[in-house]
């Protein structure tokens, strides 16, 4: 039986660098390689949200909206994705719905196509308004389940939560395994059940912290996941994510690989130099 190949979201510009260098990459460090990244064939690139907004203002002396303008100008063929903390937006307290709607309207105007919307405690009341406003703007409102383990967090819990998120209007669902706790076999069974019970695409985001991510991503692929998050190899593993090149090589034989591996190597080498320069600089 032929297994459908998932699409790939590249996270180097947001979570990859957030995980390994505390989001200290300046926009000027990114600009020279963006057009090459646009040629790869990613389904999306995660570029904004999470800690990027705060770090631009607090540490990098940058306007985060100007960064988003750069991304919109550079990525002509690839969708732009952000991480949104539901009612908290990109901050650390809850905001009124009027503020949430205005922020989302402007994020769409400046180029964001996919909003991964989450609440760290899986309270869907904190993501419902964001989903509504993203859909009002005719973009992808991706609801999120934040994966963890406990006697309460069993398969029945996850299926019900995912169905509830679909019912409030999410256009896709992300399994967000931020601690790398999702075991490969558990992931296979969970994805299978979610595919059976939901009518929206399912994405997987996991971290390498516990050493499980490569196997977990591969089992998700075998179970029919629609999209996998990866990070270019020079910003992968440790506390980050499975390397983009590695996951592509897991899915495709060399002769049937649709991705330009030389182009990916060029991107990886570029970011490796950026990483070395950032580590050698004080004040970031």
C-alpha atoms as a PDB file:
ATOM      1  CA  UNK A   1       0.000   0.000   0.000  1.00  0.00           C
ATOM      2  CA  UNK A   2       1.325   3.427  -0.971  1.00  0.00           C
ATOM      3  CA  UNK A   3       1.512   5.872   1.952  1.00  0.00           C
ATOM      4  CA  UNK A   4       0.609   9.484   1.206  1.00  0.00           C
ATOM      5  CA  UNK A   5       3.589  11.778   1.655  1.00  0.00           C
ATOM      6  CA  UNK A   6       3.002  14.618   4.139  1.00  0.00           C
ATOM      7  CA  UNK A   7       3.900  18.174   3.231  1.00  0.00           C
ATOM      8  CA  UNK A   8       6.589  19.991   5.225  1.00  0.00           C
ATOM      9  CA  UNK A   9       6.568  23.185   7.254  1.00  0.00           C
ATOM     10  CA  UNK A  10      10.003  24.713   7.801  1.00  0.00           C
ATOM     11  CA  UNK A  11      10.395  26.267  11.271  1.00  0.00           C
ATOM     12  CA  UNK A  12      13.965  27.657  11.223  1.00  0.00           C
ATOM     13  CA  UNK A  13      12.794  31.275  11.107  1.00  0.00           C
ATOM     14  CA  UNK A  14      10.673  30.928  14.257  1.00  0.00           C
ATOM     15  CA  UNK A  15      10.805  27.837  16.456  1.00  0.00           C
ATOM     16  CA  UNK A  16      14.094  26.454  15.159  1.00  0.00           C
ATOM     17  CA  UNK A  17      16.001  29.531  16.229  1.00  0.00           C
ATOM     18  CA  UNK A  18      13.813  30.053  19.298  1.00  0.00           C
ATOM     19  CA  UNK A  19      14.749  26.579  20.528  1.00  0.00           C
ATOM     20  CA  UNK A  20      18.507  26.884  20.001  1.00  0.00           C
ATOM     21  CA  UNK A  21      19.529  30.544  20.178  1.00  0.00           C
ATOM     22  CA  UNK A  22      16.689  32.131  22.161  1.00  0.00           C
ATOM     23  CA  UNK A  23      15.244  33.910  19.083  1.00  0.00           C
ATOM     24  CA  UNK A  24      18.237  36.205  18.671  1.00  0.00           C
ATOM     25  CA  UNK A  25      18.447  36.064  14.869  1.00  0.00           C
ATOM     26  CA  UNK A  26      18.012  39.514  13.362  1.00  0.00           C
ATOM     27  CA  UNK A  27      15.995  40.118  10.208  1.00  0.00           C
ATOM     28  CA  UNK A  28      19.144  41.162   8.360  1.00  0.00           C
ATOM     29  CA  UNK A  29      20.582  37.702   9.122  1.00  0.00           C
ATOM     30  CA  UNK A  30      17.644  36.091   7.302  1.00  0.00           C
ATOM     31  CA  UNK A  31      17.176  38.250   4.221  1.00  0.00           C
ATOM     32  CA  UNK A  32      19.970  36.845   1.984  1.00  0.00           C
ATOM     33  CA  UNK A  33      18.578  33.279   2.051  1.00  0.00           C
ATOM     34  CA  UNK A  34      14.805  33.867   1.952  1.00  0.00           C
ATOM     35  CA  UNK A  35      14.395  33.642  -1.821  1.00  0.00           C
ATOM     36  CA  UNK A  36      16.264  30.335  -1.862  1.00  0.00           C
ATOM     37  CA  UNK A  37      13.949  29.054   0.871  1.00  0.00           C
ATOM     38  CA  UNK A  38      10.975  30.065  -1.274  1.00  0.00           C
ATOM     39  CA  UNK A  39      12.203  27.674  -3.998  1.00  0.00           C
ATOM     40  CA  UNK A  40      12.280  24.564  -1.797  1.00  0.00           C
ATOM     41  CA  UNK A  41       8.627  23.547  -2.007  1.00  0.00           C
ATOM     42  CA  UNK A  42       7.642  23.814   1.642  1.00  0.00           C
ATOM     43  CA  UNK A  43       3.907  23.877   2.317  1.00  0.00           C
ATOM     44  CA  UNK A  44       4.607  26.793   4.669  1.00  0.00           C
ATOM     45  CA  UNK A  45       7.353  28.479   6.630  1.00  0.00           C
ATOM     46  CA  UNK A  46       6.794  29.409  10.261  1.00  0.00           C
ATOM     47  CA  UNK A  47       8.059  32.963  10.521  1.00  0.00           C
ATOM     48  CA  UNK A  48       6.314  34.852  13.311  1.00  0.00           C
ATOM     49  CA  UNK A  49       4.605  34.662  16.682  1.00  0.00           C
ATOM     50  CA  UNK A  50       5.832  32.795  19.729  1.00  0.00           C
ATOM     51  CA  UNK A  51       8.763  34.734  21.179  1.00  0.00           C
ATOM     52  CA  UNK A  52       9.702  36.513  17.946  1.00  0.00           C
ATOM     53  CA  UNK A  53       7.492  39.535  18.579  1.00  0.00           C
ATOM     54  CA  UNK A  54       8.801  40.073  22.114  1.00  0.00           C
ATOM     55  CA  UNK A  55      12.443  39.465  21.158  1.00  0.00           C
ATOM     56  CA  UNK A  56      12.330  41.888  18.232  1.00  0.00           C
ATOM     57  CA  UNK A  57      11.250  44.651  20.610  1.00  0.00           C
ATOM     58  CA  UNK A  58      13.123  43.652  23.768  1.00  0.00           C
ATOM     59  CA  UNK A  59      16.494  42.451  22.475  1.00  0.00           C
ATOM     60  CA  UNK A  60      16.959  43.169  18.761  1.00  0.00           C
ATOM     61  CA  UNK A  61      15.733  46.782  18.472  1.00  0.00           C
ATOM     62  CA  UNK A  62      13.475  45.799  15.565  1.00  0.00           C
ATOM     63  CA  UNK A  63       9.872  46.393  14.585  1.00  0.00           C
ATOM     64  CA  UNK A  64       8.296  42.915  14.271  1.00  0.00           C
ATOM     65  CA  UNK A  65       5.831  44.208  11.693  1.00  0.00           C
ATOM     66  CA  UNK A  66       8.716  45.363   9.495  1.00  0.00           C
ATOM     67  CA  UNK A  67      10.100  41.817   9.690  1.00  0.00           C
ATOM     68  CA  UNK A  68       6.759  40.487   8.502  1.00  0.00           C
ATOM     69  CA  UNK A  69       6.822  42.914   5.553  1.00  0.00           C
ATOM     70  CA  UNK A  70      10.176  41.436   4.519  1.00  0.00           C
ATOM     71  CA  UNK A  71       8.798  37.909   4.630  1.00  0.00           C
ATOM     72  CA  UNK A  72       5.739  38.825   2.585  1.00  0.00           C
ATOM     73  CA  UNK A  73       7.944  40.413  -0.059  1.00  0.00           C
ATOM     74  CA  UNK A  74      10.360  37.468  -0.215  1.00  0.00           C
ATOM     75  CA  UNK A  75       8.030  34.454  -0.138  1.00  0.00           C
ATOM     76  CA  UNK A  76       6.024  34.444  -3.353  1.00  0.00           C
ATOM     77  CA  UNK A  77       5.352  30.696  -3.551  1.00  0.00           C
ATOM     78  CA  UNK A  78       5.236  29.643   0.106  1.00  0.00           C
ATOM     79  CA  UNK A  79       2.579  30.307   2.736  1.00  0.00           C
ATOM     80  CA  UNK A  80       3.565  32.188   5.879  1.00  0.00           C
ATOM     81  CA  UNK A  81       2.652  30.719   9.260  1.00  0.00           C
ATOM     82  CA  UNK A  82       2.641  32.092  12.791  1.00  0.00           C
ATOM     83  CA  UNK A  83       2.097  30.798  16.338  1.00  0.00           C
ATOM     84  CA  UNK A  84      -0.686  32.613  18.200  1.00  0.00           C
ATOM     85  CA  UNK A  85      -1.359  32.215  21.933  1.00  0.00           C
ATOM     86  CA  UNK A  86      -5.144  32.496  21.603  1.00  0.00           C
ATOM     87  CA  UNK A  87      -6.475  35.332  23.752  1.00  0.00           C
ATOM     88  CA  UNK A  88      -2.876  36.155  24.758  1.00  0.00           C
ATOM     89  CA  UNK A  89      -1.923  36.827  21.105  1.00  0.00           C
ATOM     90  CA  UNK A  90       1.888  37.233  21.295  1.00  0.00           C
ATOM     91  CA  UNK A  91       1.882  38.597  24.848  1.00  0.00           C
ATOM     92  CA  UNK A  92       1.623  37.339  28.402  1.00  0.00           C
ATOM     93  CA  UNK A  93      -1.900  38.369  29.397  1.00  0.00           C
ATOM     94  CA  UNK A  94      -5.340  38.086  27.862  1.00  0.00           C
ATOM     95  CA  UNK A  95      -6.678  40.744  25.515  1.00  0.00           C
ATOM     96  CA  UNK A  96     -10.173  41.920  24.650  1.00  0.00           C
ATOM     97  CA  UNK A  97     -11.764  40.490  21.515  1.00  0.00           C
ATOM     98  CA  UNK A  98     -11.564  43.897  19.822  1.00  0.00           C
ATOM     99  CA  UNK A  99      -7.773  43.820  20.202  1.00  0.00           C
ATOM    100  CA  UNK A 100      -7.601  40.193  19.048  1.00  0.00           C
ATOM    101  CA  UNK A 101      -9.598  40.962  15.911  1.00  0.00           C
ATOM    102  CA  UNK A 102      -7.511  44.029  15.077  1.00  0.00           C
ATOM    103  CA  UNK A 103      -4.245  42.132  15.588  1.00  0.00           C
ATOM    104  CA  UNK A 104      -5.372  39.244  13.382  1.00  0.00           C
ATOM    105  CA  UNK A 105      -6.670  41.593  10.670  1.00  0.00           C
ATOM    106  CA  UNK A 106      -3.278  43.290  10.499  1.00  0.00           C
ATOM    107  CA  UNK A 107      -1.362  40.005  10.611  1.00  0.00           C
ATOM    108  CA  UNK A 108      -3.319  38.880   7.554  1.00  0.00           C
ATOM    109  CA  UNK A 109      -2.717  42.219   5.857  1.00  0.00           C
ATOM    110  CA  UNK A 110       1.031  41.854   6.441  1.00  0.00           C
ATOM    111  CA  UNK A 111       1.125  38.344   4.987  1.00  0.00           C
ATOM    112  CA  UNK A 112       0.200  35.605   7.486  1.00  0.00           C
ATOM    113  CA  UNK A 113      -1.772  32.755   5.898  1.00  0.00           C
ATOM    114  CA  UNK A 114      -1.782  30.088   8.616  1.00  0.00           C
ATOM    115  CA  UNK A 115      -2.437  30.848  12.280  1.00  0.00           C
ATOM    116  CA  UNK A 116      -1.521  28.013  14.646  1.00  0.00           C
ATOM    117  CA  UNK A 117      -3.691  28.921  17.629  1.00  0.00           C
ATOM    118  CA  UNK A 118      -3.099  27.290  20.996  1.00  0.00           C
ATOM    119  CA  UNK A 119      -3.822  27.502  24.691  1.00  0.00           C
ATOM    120  CA  UNK A 120      -1.189  25.900  26.897  1.00  0.00           C
ATOM    121  CA  UNK A 121      -3.882  24.342  29.128  1.00  0.00           C
ATOM    122  CA  UNK A 122      -6.023  23.180  26.195  1.00  0.00           C
ATOM    123  CA  UNK A 123      -8.875  25.493  27.174  1.00  0.00           C
ATOM    124  CA  UNK A 124     -10.750  25.959  23.905  1.00  0.00           C
ATOM    125  CA  UNK A 125     -12.516  29.014  25.320  1.00  0.00           C
ATOM    126  CA  UNK A 126      -9.171  30.795  24.933  1.00  0.00           C
ATOM    127  CA  UNK A 127      -8.785  29.962  21.221  1.00  0.00           C
ATOM    128  CA  UNK A 128     -12.359  30.211  19.953  1.00  0.00           C
ATOM    129  CA  UNK A 129     -12.417  33.946  19.208  1.00  0.00           C
ATOM    130  CA  UNK A 130      -9.056  33.802  17.406  1.00  0.00           C
ATOM    131  CA  UNK A 131     -10.313  30.978  15.201  1.00  0.00           C
ATOM    132  CA  UNK A 132     -13.437  33.005  14.398  1.00  0.00           C
ATOM    133  CA  UNK A 133     -11.471  36.120  13.427  1.00  0.00           C
ATOM    134  CA  UNK A 134      -8.960  34.199  11.280  1.00  0.00           C
ATOM    135  CA  UNK A 135     -11.793  32.525   9.407  1.00  0.00           C
ATOM    136  CA  UNK A 136     -13.449  35.912   8.977  1.00  0.00           C
ATOM    137  CA  UNK A 137     -10.242  36.963   7.229  1.00  0.00           C
ATOM    138  CA  UNK A 138     -10.472  33.837   5.017  1.00  0.00           C
ATOM    139  CA  UNK A 139      -7.179  32.326   6.194  1.00  0.00           C
ATOM    140  CA  UNK A 140      -6.269  28.988   7.801  1.00  0.00           C
ATOM    141  CA  UNK A 141      -7.312  28.846  11.470  1.00  0.00           C
ATOM    142  CA  UNK A 142      -5.288  25.925  12.784  1.00  0.00           C
ATOM    143  CA  UNK A 143      -6.504  24.728  16.159  1.00  0.00           C
ATOM    144  CA  UNK A 144      -3.996  23.023  18.439  1.00  0.00           C
ATOM    145  CA  UNK A 145      -3.850  20.294  21.028  1.00  0.00           C
ATOM    146  CA  UNK A 146      -0.904  20.744  23.397  1.00  0.00           C
ATOM    147  CA  UNK A 147       0.296  17.207  24.035  1.00  0.00           C
ATOM    148  CA  UNK A 148       1.324  15.965  27.456  1.00  0.00           C
ATOM    149  CA  UNK A 149       1.113  12.790  29.526  1.00  0.00           C
ATOM    150  CA  UNK A 150      -0.884  12.112  32.696  1.00  0.00           C
ATOM    151  CA  UNK A 151      -3.638   9.740  33.849  1.00  0.00           C
ATOM    152  CA  UNK A 152      -6.141  12.275  32.503  1.00  0.00           C
ATOM    153  CA  UNK A 153      -4.501  12.817  29.108  1.00  0.00           C
ATOM    154  CA  UNK A 154      -5.470   9.561  27.419  1.00  0.00           C
ATOM    155  CA  UNK A 155      -6.561   8.807  23.867  1.00  0.00           C
ATOM    156  CA  UNK A 156     -10.219   9.491  24.670  1.00  0.00           C
ATOM    157  CA  UNK A 157      -9.295  12.945  26.007  1.00  0.00           C
ATOM    158  CA  UNK A 158      -7.333  13.858  22.863  1.00  0.00           C
ATOM    159  CA  UNK A 159     -10.036  12.668  20.466  1.00  0.00           C
ATOM    160  CA  UNK A 160     -12.738  14.626  22.296  1.00  0.00           C
ATOM    161  CA  UNK A 161     -10.570  17.757  22.455  1.00  0.00           C
ATOM    162  CA  UNK A 162      -9.752  17.501  18.753  1.00  0.00           C
ATOM    163  CA  UNK A 163     -13.435  17.081  17.862  1.00  0.00           C
ATOM    164  CA  UNK A 164     -14.339  20.085  20.023  1.00  0.00           C
ATOM    165  CA  UNK A 165     -11.695  22.172  18.226  1.00  0.00           C
ATOM    166  CA  UNK A 166     -13.046  21.087  14.849  1.00  0.00           C
ATOM    167  CA  UNK A 167     -16.571  21.915  15.996  1.00  0.00           C
ATOM    168  CA  UNK A 168     -15.666  25.527  16.872  1.00  0.00           C
ATOM    169  CA  UNK A 169     -14.469  26.042  13.301  1.00  0.00           C
ATOM    170  CA  UNK A 170     -10.779  25.122  13.026  1.00  0.00           C
ATOM    171  CA  UNK A 171      -9.755  24.511   9.414  1.00  0.00           C
ATOM    172  CA  UNK A 172      -6.853  22.247  10.397  1.00  0.00           C
ATOM    173  CA  UNK A 173      -5.469  20.690  13.583  1.00  0.00           C
ATOM    174  CA  UNK A 174      -1.944  20.649  14.998  1.00  0.00           C
ATOM    175  CA  UNK A 175      -0.609  18.165  17.526  1.00  0.00           C
ATOM    176  CA  UNK A 176       1.858  20.370  19.400  1.00  0.00           C
ATOM    177  CA  UNK A 177       4.339  18.185  21.284  1.00  0.00           C
ATOM    178  CA  UNK A 178       6.507  20.971  22.658  1.00  0.00           C
ATOM    179  CA  UNK A 179       8.310  18.761  25.199  1.00  0.00           C
ATOM    180  CA  UNK A 180       9.014  15.821  22.895  1.00  0.00           C
ATOM    181  CA  UNK A 181       6.902  13.459  25.025  1.00  0.00           C
ATOM    182  CA  UNK A 182       4.937  11.838  22.205  1.00  0.00           C
ATOM    183  CA  UNK A 183       6.215   8.289  21.752  1.00  0.00           C
ATOM    184  CA  UNK A 184       6.349   6.814  18.228  1.00  0.00           C
ATOM    185  CA  UNK A 185       3.826   4.008  18.760  1.00  0.00           C
ATOM    186  CA  UNK A 186       1.470   6.300  20.686  1.00  0.00           C
ATOM    187  CA  UNK A 187       1.729   8.844  17.885  1.00  0.00           C
ATOM    188  CA  UNK A 188       0.848   6.231  15.268  1.00  0.00           C
ATOM    189  CA  UNK A 189      -2.306   5.198  17.142  1.00  0.00           C
ATOM    190  CA  UNK A 190      -3.319   8.798  17.901  1.00  0.00           C
ATOM    191  CA  UNK A 191      -2.929   9.975  14.316  1.00  0.00           C
ATOM    192  CA  UNK A 192      -4.857   6.965  13.040  1.00  0.00           C
ATOM    193  CA  UNK A 193      -7.747   7.730  15.396  1.00  0.00           C
ATOM    194  CA  UNK A 194      -7.714  11.440  14.608  1.00  0.00           C
ATOM    195  CA  UNK A 195      -7.775  10.741  10.862  1.00  0.00           C
ATOM    196  CA  UNK A 196     -10.760   8.466  11.415  1.00  0.00           C
ATOM    197  CA  UNK A 197     -12.701  10.941  13.558  1.00  0.00           C
ATOM    198  CA  UNK A 198     -11.880  14.327  11.999  1.00  0.00           C
ATOM    199  CA  UNK A 199     -12.573  15.864   8.612  1.00  0.00           C
ATOM    200  CA  UNK A 200      -9.753  18.432   8.667  1.00  0.00           C
ATOM    201  CA  UNK A 201      -5.996  18.083   7.915  1.00  0.00           C
ATOM    202  CA  UNK A 202      -3.722  17.093  10.796  1.00  0.00           C
ATOM    203  CA  UNK A 203      -0.236  18.507  11.379  1.00  0.00           C
ATOM    204  CA  UNK A 204       2.463  17.302  13.775  1.00  0.00           C
ATOM    205  CA  UNK A 205       4.928  19.508  15.635  1.00  0.00           C
ATOM    206  CA  UNK A 206       7.349  17.716  17.947  1.00  0.00           C
ATOM    207  CA  UNK A 207      10.743  18.467  19.495  1.00  0.00           C
ATOM    208  CA  UNK A 208      13.950  16.452  19.686  1.00  0.00           C
ATOM    209  CA  UNK A 209      14.510  17.094  23.402  1.00  0.00           C
ATOM    210  CA  UNK A 210      13.947  13.468  24.439  1.00  0.00           C
ATOM    211  CA  UNK A 211      15.477  11.929  21.302  1.00  0.00           C
ATOM    212  CA  UNK A 212      12.121  10.648  20.005  1.00  0.00           C
ATOM    213  CA  UNK A 213      11.255  13.119  17.258  1.00  0.00           C
ATOM    214  CA  UNK A 214      12.684  11.294  14.221  1.00  0.00           C
ATOM    215  CA  UNK A 215      10.893   8.049  15.081  1.00  0.00           C
ATOM    216  CA  UNK A 216       7.708   9.863  16.111  1.00  0.00           C
ATOM    217  CA  UNK A 217       7.583  11.850  12.877  1.00  0.00           C
ATOM    218  CA  UNK A 218       8.147   8.707  10.829  1.00  0.00           C
ATOM    219  CA  UNK A 219       5.352   6.826  12.609  1.00  0.00           C
ATOM    220  CA  UNK A 220       3.079   9.835  12.018  1.00  0.00           C
ATOM    221  CA  UNK A 221       3.963   9.589   8.321  1.00  0.00           C
ATOM    222  CA  UNK A 222       3.069   5.896   8.335  1.00  0.00           C
ATOM    223  CA  UNK A 223      -0.252   6.729  10.019  1.00  0.00           C
ATOM    224  CA  UNK A 224      -1.205   9.238   7.307  1.00  0.00           C
ATOM    225  CA  UNK A 225      -0.342  12.615   8.858  1.00  0.00           C
ATOM    226  CA  UNK A 226      -0.933  15.529   6.477  1.00  0.00           C
ATOM    227  CA  UNK A 227       2.001  17.788   7.435  1.00  0.00           C
ATOM    228  CA  UNK A 228       5.192  17.576   9.502  1.00  0.00           C
ATOM    229  CA  UNK A 229       7.190  20.453  11.025  1.00  0.00           C
ATOM    230  CA  UNK A 230      10.976  20.236  10.546  1.00  0.00           C
ATOM    231  CA  UNK A 231      13.975  22.545  10.842  1.00  0.00           C
ATOM    232  CA  UNK A 232      16.935  22.836   8.491  1.00  0.00           C
ATOM    233  CA  UNK A 233      19.781  20.625   9.740  1.00  0.00           C
ATOM    234  CA  UNK A 234      22.057  23.377  11.079  1.00  0.00           C
ATOM    235  CA  UNK A 235      19.225  24.389  13.424  1.00  0.00           C
ATOM    236  CA  UNK A 236      17.866  20.935  14.257  1.00  0.00           C
ATOM    237  CA  UNK A 237      17.876  18.344  17.047  1.00  0.00           C
ATOM    238  CA  UNK A 238      18.872  19.048  20.685  1.00  0.00           C
ATOM    239  CA  UNK A 239      15.894  21.144  21.873  1.00  0.00           C
ATOM    240  CA  UNK A 240      14.749  21.873  18.331  1.00  0.00           C
ATOM    241  CA  UNK A 241      13.229  19.543  15.727  1.00  0.00           C
ATOM    242  CA  UNK A 242      13.926  16.752  13.273  1.00  0.00           C
ATOM    243  CA  UNK A 243      16.201  17.952  10.468  1.00  0.00           C
ATOM    244  CA  UNK A 244      14.366  18.789   7.257  1.00  0.00           C
ATOM    245  CA  UNK A 245      16.869  16.905   5.100  1.00  0.00           C
ATOM    246  CA  UNK A 246      16.694  13.829   7.319  1.00  0.00           C
ATOM    247  CA  UNK A 247      12.916  13.596   7.212  1.00  0.00           C
ATOM    248  CA  UNK A 248      12.839  14.045   3.451  1.00  0.00           C
ATOM    249  CA  UNK A 249      15.372  11.232   3.126  1.00  0.00           C
ATOM    250  CA  UNK A 250      13.188   9.006   5.323  1.00  0.00           C
ATOM    251  CA  UNK A 251      10.237   9.489   2.976  1.00  0.00           C
ATOM    252  CA  UNK A 252      11.833   9.383  -0.453  1.00  0.00           C
ATOM    253  CA  UNK A 253      14.309   7.217  -2.279  1.00  0.00           C
ATOM    254  CA  UNK A 254      17.161   9.146  -3.861  1.00  0.00           C
ATOM    255  CA  UNK A 255      15.832   8.723  -7.397  1.00  0.00           C
ATOM    256  CA  UNK A 256      12.258   9.776  -6.516  1.00  0.00           C
ATOM    257  CA  UNK A 257      13.047  12.699  -4.212  1.00  0.00           C
ATOM    258  CA  UNK A 258      11.233  15.835  -5.467  1.00  0.00           C
ATOM    259  CA  UNK A 259      13.306  18.132  -3.239  1.00  0.00           C
ATOM    260  CA  UNK A 260      16.575  19.745  -4.325  1.00  0.00           C
ATOM    261  CA  UNK A 261      18.956  18.458  -1.650  1.00  0.00           C
ATOM    262  CA  UNK A 262      21.778  20.694  -2.881  1.00  0.00           C
ATOM    263  CA  UNK A 263      19.550  23.713  -2.331  1.00  0.00           C
ATOM    264  CA  UNK A 264      18.743  22.489   1.183  1.00  0.00           C
ATOM    265  CA  UNK A 265      22.472  22.026   1.846  1.00  0.00           C
ATOM    266  CA  UNK A 266      23.073  25.613   0.723  1.00  0.00           C
ATOM    267  CA  UNK A 267      20.399  26.842   3.147  1.00  0.00           C
ATOM    268  CA  UNK A 268      21.823  24.768   5.995  1.00  0.00           C
ATOM    269  CA  UNK A 269      25.367  26.021   5.411  1.00  0.00           C
ATOM    270  CA  UNK A 270      24.114  29.591   5.359  1.00  0.00           C
ATOM    271  CA  UNK A 271      22.305  29.274   8.687  1.00  0.00           C
ATOM    272  CA  UNK A 272      25.288  27.505  10.240  1.00  0.00           C
ATOM    273  CA  UNK A 273      27.387  30.601   9.555  1.00  0.00           C
ATOM    274  CA  UNK A 274      24.637  32.803  10.992  1.00  0.00           C
ATOM    275  CA  UNK A 275      24.567  30.683  14.143  1.00  0.00           C
ATOM    276  CA  UNK A 276      28.330  30.925  14.585  1.00  0.00           C
ATOM    277  CA  UNK A 277      28.239  34.706  14.161  1.00  0.00           C
ATOM    278  CA  UNK A 278      25.421  35.107  16.704  1.00  0.00           C
ATOM    279  CA  UNK A 279      27.236  32.998  19.287  1.00  0.00           C
ATOM    280  CA  UNK A 280      30.320  35.172  18.852  1.00  0.00           C
ATOM    281  CA  UNK A 281      28.430  38.428  19.404  1.00  0.00           C
ATOM    282  CA  UNK A 282      27.700  39.985  22.767  1.00  0.00           C
ATOM    283  CA  UNK A 283      24.459  41.765  23.571  1.00  0.00           C
ATOM    284  CA  UNK A 284      22.077  39.490  21.665  1.00  0.00           C
END
